[in-house]
């Protein structure tokens, strides 16, 4: 498997069309792109796309693979940019990390903020899951990240941006989808899918997302054991479609929804989880200081844009 296979796969997944991906994104021919995708599917050992008259759709395996493909491409880009920065240190460098799915919301404003004050810096973008971002912060791979308050190190500092509510994610044709809101009692006997409790954070403890879900269950005296656990949100959504299960997830996970999955609010007061800015306390970067000094402005801009979008 080569990086070009991953780039081709992500381009097709985003365009939902071999023809559009070949012509508009990859500057190649459709037959050549089809061969590359077939080679990748043979290497993976699973079908990643379902081909139809209107284009292509990701299979459940393809949706899971897409999350990991984006992470691998992002890490490869970070490695290349870091090496170039060391070899040719022409500009100060600043590395931003985003949870997958949150980059579309926060990246434009973060870039505007930095470009306004510091137009001559080199910016590197990384998209990963929250525990991976915490590890990258701790090891100096990135300067600042949009992530959860992961446990495990006093070397990291966090500043909360927003508290995100949870919703019930379920098959679009599930009987509970007919309700305007779903209670915990409604899902007690359903197939329950959760984020993995063994996906490593920097401390080896449960990720912040899993802890928030378990804490909410405990506070409401509910004993719901997950039937399936997955280490990424794309995998959770895929399992909802394939097992007809139900999950509790932050609303931003709607980014990953296929047509077969929908959401409903929880009855009563549901759980919330933070989206925070994290950074290493000992990071001496003057760019980091400028960025942190304008966080209130960034939060206000994103909130204003959200109101316009609604």
Protein backbone atom coordinates (compact mmCIF):
# COMPACT_ATOMS: atom_id res chain seq x y z
CA UNK A 1 0.00 0.00 0.00
CA UNK A 2 1.36 3.42 -0.99
CA UNK A 3 0.39 6.93 0.04
CA UNK A 4 -0.98 7.61 -3.44
CA UNK A 5 -3.53 4.82 -2.91
CA UNK A 6 -4.73 6.58 0.23
CA UNK A 7 -4.89 9.97 -1.53
CA UNK A 8 -6.90 8.47 -4.37
CA UNK A 9 -9.24 6.72 -1.94
CA UNK A 10 -9.91 9.89 0.09
CA UNK A 11 -10.50 11.92 -3.09
CA UNK A 12 -13.09 9.42 -4.37
CA UNK A 13 -14.76 9.20 -0.96
CA UNK A 14 -15.11 12.99 -0.76
CA UNK A 15 -16.25 13.43 -4.37
CA UNK A 16 -18.52 10.34 -4.27
CA UNK A 17 -17.60 9.89 -7.91
CA UNK A 18 -14.66 8.27 -9.69
CA UNK A 19 -15.15 10.60 -12.65
CA UNK A 20 -15.21 13.83 -10.61
CA UNK A 21 -12.28 12.74 -8.43
CA UNK A 22 -10.20 11.83 -11.50
CA UNK A 23 -10.94 15.03 -13.41
CA UNK A 24 -11.20 17.68 -10.68
CA UNK A 25 -8.90 16.48 -7.91
CA UNK A 26 -6.31 14.03 -9.19
CA UNK A 27 -5.58 15.03 -12.79
CA UNK A 28 -5.77 11.44 -13.97
CA UNK A 29 -8.14 9.28 -16.01
CA UNK A 30 -11.11 7.42 -14.63
CA UNK A 31 -9.89 3.97 -15.81
CA UNK A 32 -6.52 4.55 -14.15
CA UNK A 33 -8.18 5.69 -10.93
CA UNK A 34 -10.49 2.64 -10.97
CA UNK A 35 -7.47 0.36 -11.20
CA UNK A 36 -5.80 2.10 -8.26
CA UNK A 37 -8.94 1.70 -6.13
CA UNK A 38 -9.22 -1.99 -7.07
CA UNK A 39 -5.56 -2.48 -6.11
CA UNK A 40 -6.23 -0.83 -2.75
CA UNK A 41 -9.31 -2.98 -2.10
CA UNK A 42 -7.28 -6.10 -2.88
CA UNK A 43 -4.56 -4.95 -0.46
CA UNK A 44 -7.09 -4.20 2.29
CA UNK A 45 -9.02 -7.38 1.62
CA UNK A 46 -12.43 -5.70 1.65
CA UNK A 47 -14.70 -3.71 -0.65
CA UNK A 48 -14.44 -0.02 0.20
CA UNK A 49 -17.02 1.36 -2.23
CA UNK A 50 -20.40 0.35 -3.57
CA UNK A 51 -20.68 1.42 -7.20
CA UNK A 52 -24.03 2.56 -8.59
CA UNK A 53 -25.58 4.58 -11.39
CA UNK A 54 -25.26 7.83 -9.41
CA UNK A 55 -21.64 7.36 -8.33
CA UNK A 56 -20.04 5.54 -5.42
CA UNK A 57 -20.83 5.21 -1.73
CA UNK A 58 -18.57 4.01 1.06
CA UNK A 59 -19.21 0.57 2.48
CA UNK A 60 -19.13 0.18 6.31
CA UNK A 61 -15.51 -1.00 5.92
CA UNK A 62 -14.81 2.01 3.71
CA UNK A 63 -16.14 4.48 6.29
CA UNK A 64 -13.85 3.02 8.95
CA UNK A 65 -10.90 3.00 6.56
CA UNK A 66 -11.55 6.66 5.61
CA UNK A 67 -10.89 7.86 9.18
CA UNK A 68 -7.59 6.02 9.32
CA UNK A 69 -6.58 7.04 5.78
CA UNK A 70 -7.02 10.71 6.67
CA UNK A 71 -4.95 10.27 9.82
CA UNK A 72 -2.16 8.48 7.92
CA UNK A 73 -2.05 11.15 5.21
CA UNK A 74 -2.04 13.88 7.82
CA UNK A 75 0.82 12.27 9.71
CA UNK A 76 2.79 11.83 6.50
CA UNK A 77 2.29 15.51 5.67
CA UNK A 78 3.38 16.54 9.15
CA UNK A 79 6.52 14.41 8.80
CA UNK A 80 7.40 15.97 5.44
CA UNK A 81 6.73 19.51 6.59
CA UNK A 82 8.70 19.01 9.79
CA UNK A 83 11.70 17.68 7.88
CA UNK A 84 11.56 20.57 5.40
CA UNK A 85 11.32 23.08 8.20
CA UNK A 86 14.47 21.68 9.80
CA UNK A 87 16.33 21.53 6.49
CA UNK A 88 15.17 24.96 5.26
CA UNK A 89 14.20 27.08 8.27
CA UNK A 90 13.08 30.09 6.24
CA UNK A 91 9.92 30.79 8.26
CA UNK A 92 8.82 30.21 11.85
CA UNK A 93 6.64 27.11 11.97
CA UNK A 94 3.46 26.49 13.94
CA UNK A 95 1.60 23.15 14.01
CA UNK A 96 -2.16 23.03 14.60
CA UNK A 97 -4.02 19.82 15.48
CA UNK A 98 -7.74 19.18 15.03
CA UNK A 99 -10.03 16.33 15.95
CA UNK A 100 -11.36 14.71 12.78
CA UNK A 101 -14.60 16.48 11.91
CA UNK A 102 -13.87 19.64 13.92
CA UNK A 103 -11.36 20.97 11.40
CA UNK A 104 -14.17 22.18 9.11
CA UNK A 105 -15.61 24.28 11.95
CA UNK A 106 -12.51 25.72 13.61
CA UNK A 107 -9.74 25.65 11.00
CA UNK A 108 -10.86 28.66 8.88
CA UNK A 109 -11.09 30.95 11.90
CA UNK A 110 -7.81 29.71 13.36
CA UNK A 111 -6.01 30.38 10.07
CA UNK A 112 -7.50 33.88 9.79
CA UNK A 113 -6.41 34.65 13.34
CA UNK A 114 -2.82 33.58 12.66
CA UNK A 115 -2.57 35.18 9.22
CA UNK A 116 -3.85 38.52 10.52
CA UNK A 117 -1.11 38.85 13.13
CA UNK A 118 1.61 36.63 11.67
CA UNK A 119 1.41 36.53 7.86
CA UNK A 120 4.95 35.17 7.41
CA UNK A 121 4.72 31.94 9.38
CA UNK A 122 4.58 28.39 8.08
CA UNK A 123 1.46 26.55 9.35
CA UNK A 124 1.22 22.75 9.51
CA UNK A 125 -2.21 21.10 9.96
CA UNK A 126 -2.79 17.68 11.54
CA UNK A 127 -6.16 15.90 11.94
CA UNK A 128 -6.31 12.99 14.39
CA UNK A 129 -8.40 11.55 17.20
CA UNK A 130 -8.29 13.29 20.58
CA UNK A 131 -5.98 10.82 22.41
CA UNK A 132 -3.54 10.92 19.49
CA UNK A 133 -3.53 14.72 19.55
CA UNK A 134 -2.77 14.71 23.29
CA UNK A 135 0.20 12.43 22.68
CA UNK A 136 1.45 14.64 19.84
CA UNK A 137 1.22 17.71 22.09
CA UNK A 138 3.16 15.99 24.84
CA UNK A 139 5.93 14.93 22.46
CA UNK A 140 6.19 18.31 20.75
CA UNK A 141 4.80 17.15 17.40
CA UNK A 142 2.18 19.90 17.39
CA UNK A 143 1.94 23.24 19.18
CA UNK A 144 -1.77 23.52 19.90
CA UNK A 145 -4.74 21.21 19.41
CA UNK A 146 -8.53 21.29 19.40
CA UNK A 147 -9.35 18.21 21.49
CA UNK A 148 -10.90 16.82 24.68
CA UNK A 149 -9.43 17.16 28.17
CA UNK A 150 -7.59 13.85 28.07
CA UNK A 151 -6.22 12.45 31.33
CA UNK A 152 -2.65 11.65 32.08
CA UNK A 153 -0.16 14.48 32.12
CA UNK A 154 0.39 17.62 34.18
CA UNK A 155 2.57 18.91 31.34
CA UNK A 156 -0.50 19.86 29.28
CA UNK A 157 -2.81 22.82 29.81
CA UNK A 158 -6.39 23.06 28.52
CA UNK A 159 -8.80 25.94 27.91
CA UNK A 160 -12.44 25.06 27.21
CA UNK A 161 -13.93 26.51 24.01
CA UNK A 162 -17.44 25.01 24.08
CA UNK A 163 -19.42 22.24 25.81
CA UNK A 164 -20.99 19.96 23.23
CA UNK A 165 -24.29 18.15 23.92
CA UNK A 166 -24.86 14.49 23.08
CA UNK A 167 -27.62 13.00 20.94
CA UNK A 168 -28.86 9.49 20.28
CA UNK A 169 -27.52 8.09 16.98
CA UNK A 170 -29.63 5.29 15.50
CA UNK A 171 -30.73 3.72 12.20
CA UNK A 172 -33.01 6.03 10.22
CA UNK A 173 -35.70 3.35 10.03
CA UNK A 174 -35.45 2.27 13.69
CA UNK A 175 -38.78 2.38 15.62
CA UNK A 176 -37.25 4.89 18.08
CA UNK A 177 -36.55 7.27 15.18
CA UNK A 178 -40.30 7.98 15.10
CA UNK A 179 -40.00 9.70 18.49
CA UNK A 180 -39.16 13.39 18.84
CA UNK A 181 -36.81 12.57 21.76
CA UNK A 182 -35.40 9.33 23.16
CA UNK A 183 -35.02 8.41 26.83
CA UNK A 184 -32.31 6.30 28.41
CA UNK A 185 -34.99 3.75 29.30
CA UNK A 186 -35.78 3.48 25.57
CA UNK A 187 -32.27 2.33 24.75
CA UNK A 188 -31.68 0.11 27.78
CA UNK A 189 -32.46 -3.11 25.91
CA UNK A 190 -31.08 -2.08 22.54
CA UNK A 191 -27.75 -3.05 20.97
CA UNK A 192 -25.50 -0.32 22.38
CA UNK A 193 -22.33 0.81 20.60
CA UNK A 194 -19.67 2.90 22.30
CA UNK A 195 -16.23 4.35 21.82
CA UNK A 196 -13.54 1.92 22.90
CA UNK A 197 -12.47 2.06 26.53
CA UNK A 198 -9.07 0.66 25.61
CA UNK A 199 -8.11 3.21 22.93
CA UNK A 200 -4.98 4.57 24.54
CA UNK A 201 -4.77 8.11 25.81
CA UNK A 202 -1.45 9.48 27.02
CA UNK A 203 -2.05 7.85 30.41
CA UNK A 204 -3.38 4.55 29.11
CA UNK A 205 -6.75 5.47 30.65
CA UNK A 206 -10.05 5.65 28.84
CA UNK A 207 -10.47 8.45 26.29
CA UNK A 208 -12.41 11.48 27.53
CA UNK A 209 -15.37 10.66 25.28
CA UNK A 210 -15.82 7.17 26.74
CA UNK A 211 -15.49 8.52 30.28
CA UNK A 212 -18.22 11.10 29.63
CA UNK A 213 -20.61 8.42 28.33
CA UNK A 214 -19.93 6.03 31.22
CA UNK A 215 -20.22 8.82 33.80
CA UNK A 216 -23.63 9.84 32.42
CA UNK A 217 -24.86 6.25 32.61
CA UNK A 218 -23.63 5.91 36.19
CA UNK A 219 -25.22 9.20 37.28
CA UNK A 220 -28.56 7.98 35.91
CA UNK A 221 -28.27 4.52 37.52
CA UNK A 222 -28.20 2.80 34.14
CA UNK A 223 -26.25 -0.40 33.54
CA UNK A 224 -25.83 -0.49 29.77
CA UNK A 225 -22.85 -2.53 28.62
CA UNK A 226 -21.68 -1.89 25.06
CA UNK A 227 -22.31 -4.74 22.66
CA UNK A 228 -19.57 -3.34 20.41
CA UNK A 229 -16.67 -0.90 21.00
CA UNK A 230 -14.82 1.03 18.28
CA UNK A 231 -11.80 3.33 18.49
CA UNK A 232 -13.15 6.02 16.12
CA UNK A 233 -16.46 7.75 15.41
CA UNK A 234 -16.60 6.62 11.79
CA UNK A 235 -16.51 3.03 13.00
CA UNK A 236 -19.29 3.69 15.52
CA UNK A 237 -21.53 5.16 12.81
CA UNK A 238 -20.79 2.23 10.49
CA UNK A 239 -21.75 -0.26 13.21
CA UNK A 240 -25.01 1.59 13.84
CA UNK A 241 -25.92 0.99 10.20
CA UNK A 242 -24.73 -2.63 10.08
CA UNK A 243 -25.95 -3.90 13.49
CA UNK A 244 -29.01 -1.62 13.89
CA UNK A 245 -27.51 -0.54 17.18
CA UNK A 246 -27.71 2.76 19.06
CA UNK A 247 -24.99 5.10 20.33
CA UNK A 248 -24.63 8.27 22.39
CA UNK A 249 -22.28 10.70 20.65
CA UNK A 250 -21.54 14.46 20.60
CA UNK A 251 -23.58 16.33 18.00
CA UNK A 252 -20.50 17.08 15.89
CA UNK A 253 -20.42 13.39 14.94
CA UNK A 254 -23.27 14.22 12.54
CA UNK A 255 -20.40 15.06 10.19
CA UNK A 256 -19.98 11.32 9.62
CA UNK A 257 -23.66 10.43 9.04
CA UNK A 258 -24.66 8.32 6.03
CA UNK A 259 -28.29 8.38 4.89
CA UNK A 260 -28.99 5.17 6.83
CA UNK A 261 -28.28 6.80 10.21
CA UNK A 262 -30.11 9.65 11.94
CA UNK A 263 -30.14 11.33 15.38
CA UNK A 264 -32.64 12.27 18.05
CA UNK A 265 -32.17 14.40 21.18
CA UNK A 266 -32.18 12.82 24.60
CA UNK A 267 -35.11 13.46 26.90
CA UNK A 268 -34.22 15.62 29.87
CA UNK A 269 -30.77 16.92 30.60
CA UNK A 270 -28.25 14.93 28.59
CA UNK A 271 -24.48 14.76 28.98
CA UNK A 272 -22.04 17.26 27.56
CA UNK A 273 -18.36 17.09 26.73
CA UNK A 274 -15.81 19.82 26.28
CA UNK A 275 -14.03 20.88 23.15
CA UNK A 276 -10.84 22.50 24.41
CA UNK A 277 -7.62 24.05 23.28
CA UNK A 278 -4.67 22.02 24.55
CA UNK A 279 -0.99 22.91 24.58
CA UNK A 280 2.21 21.94 26.34
CA UNK A 281 2.92 24.26 29.28
CA UNK A 282 6.66 24.35 28.55
CA UNK A 283 6.23 25.27 24.87
CA UNK A 284 8.18 28.56 24.44
CA UNK A 285 6.70 29.44 21.02
CA UNK A 286 5.88 33.17 20.72
CA UNK A 287 3.30 32.20 18.08
CA UNK A 288 1.50 30.09 20.68
CA UNK A 289 1.28 33.12 22.99
CA UNK A 290 -0.30 35.21 20.24
CA UNK A 291 -2.76 32.43 19.41
CA UNK A 292 -3.84 31.97 23.03
CA UNK A 293 -4.26 35.72 23.48
CA UNK A 294 -6.95 35.76 20.76
CA UNK A 295 -8.93 32.65 21.69
CA UNK A 296 -11.97 34.65 22.86
CA UNK A 297 -12.12 36.31 19.46
CA UNK A 298 -11.90 32.95 17.70
CA UNK A 299 -14.70 31.45 19.81
CA UNK A 300 -16.94 34.46 19.13
CA UNK A 301 -16.31 34.25 15.38
CA UNK A 302 -17.18 30.54 15.23
CA UNK A 303 -20.33 31.08 17.30
CA UNK A 304 -21.42 33.92 14.99
CA UNK A 305 -20.85 31.74 11.91
CA UNK A 306 -22.88 28.92 13.47
CA UNK A 307 -25.83 31.32 13.94
CA UNK A 308 -25.61 32.37 10.30
CA UNK A 309 -25.52 28.72 9.13
CA UNK A 310 -28.65 27.93 11.11
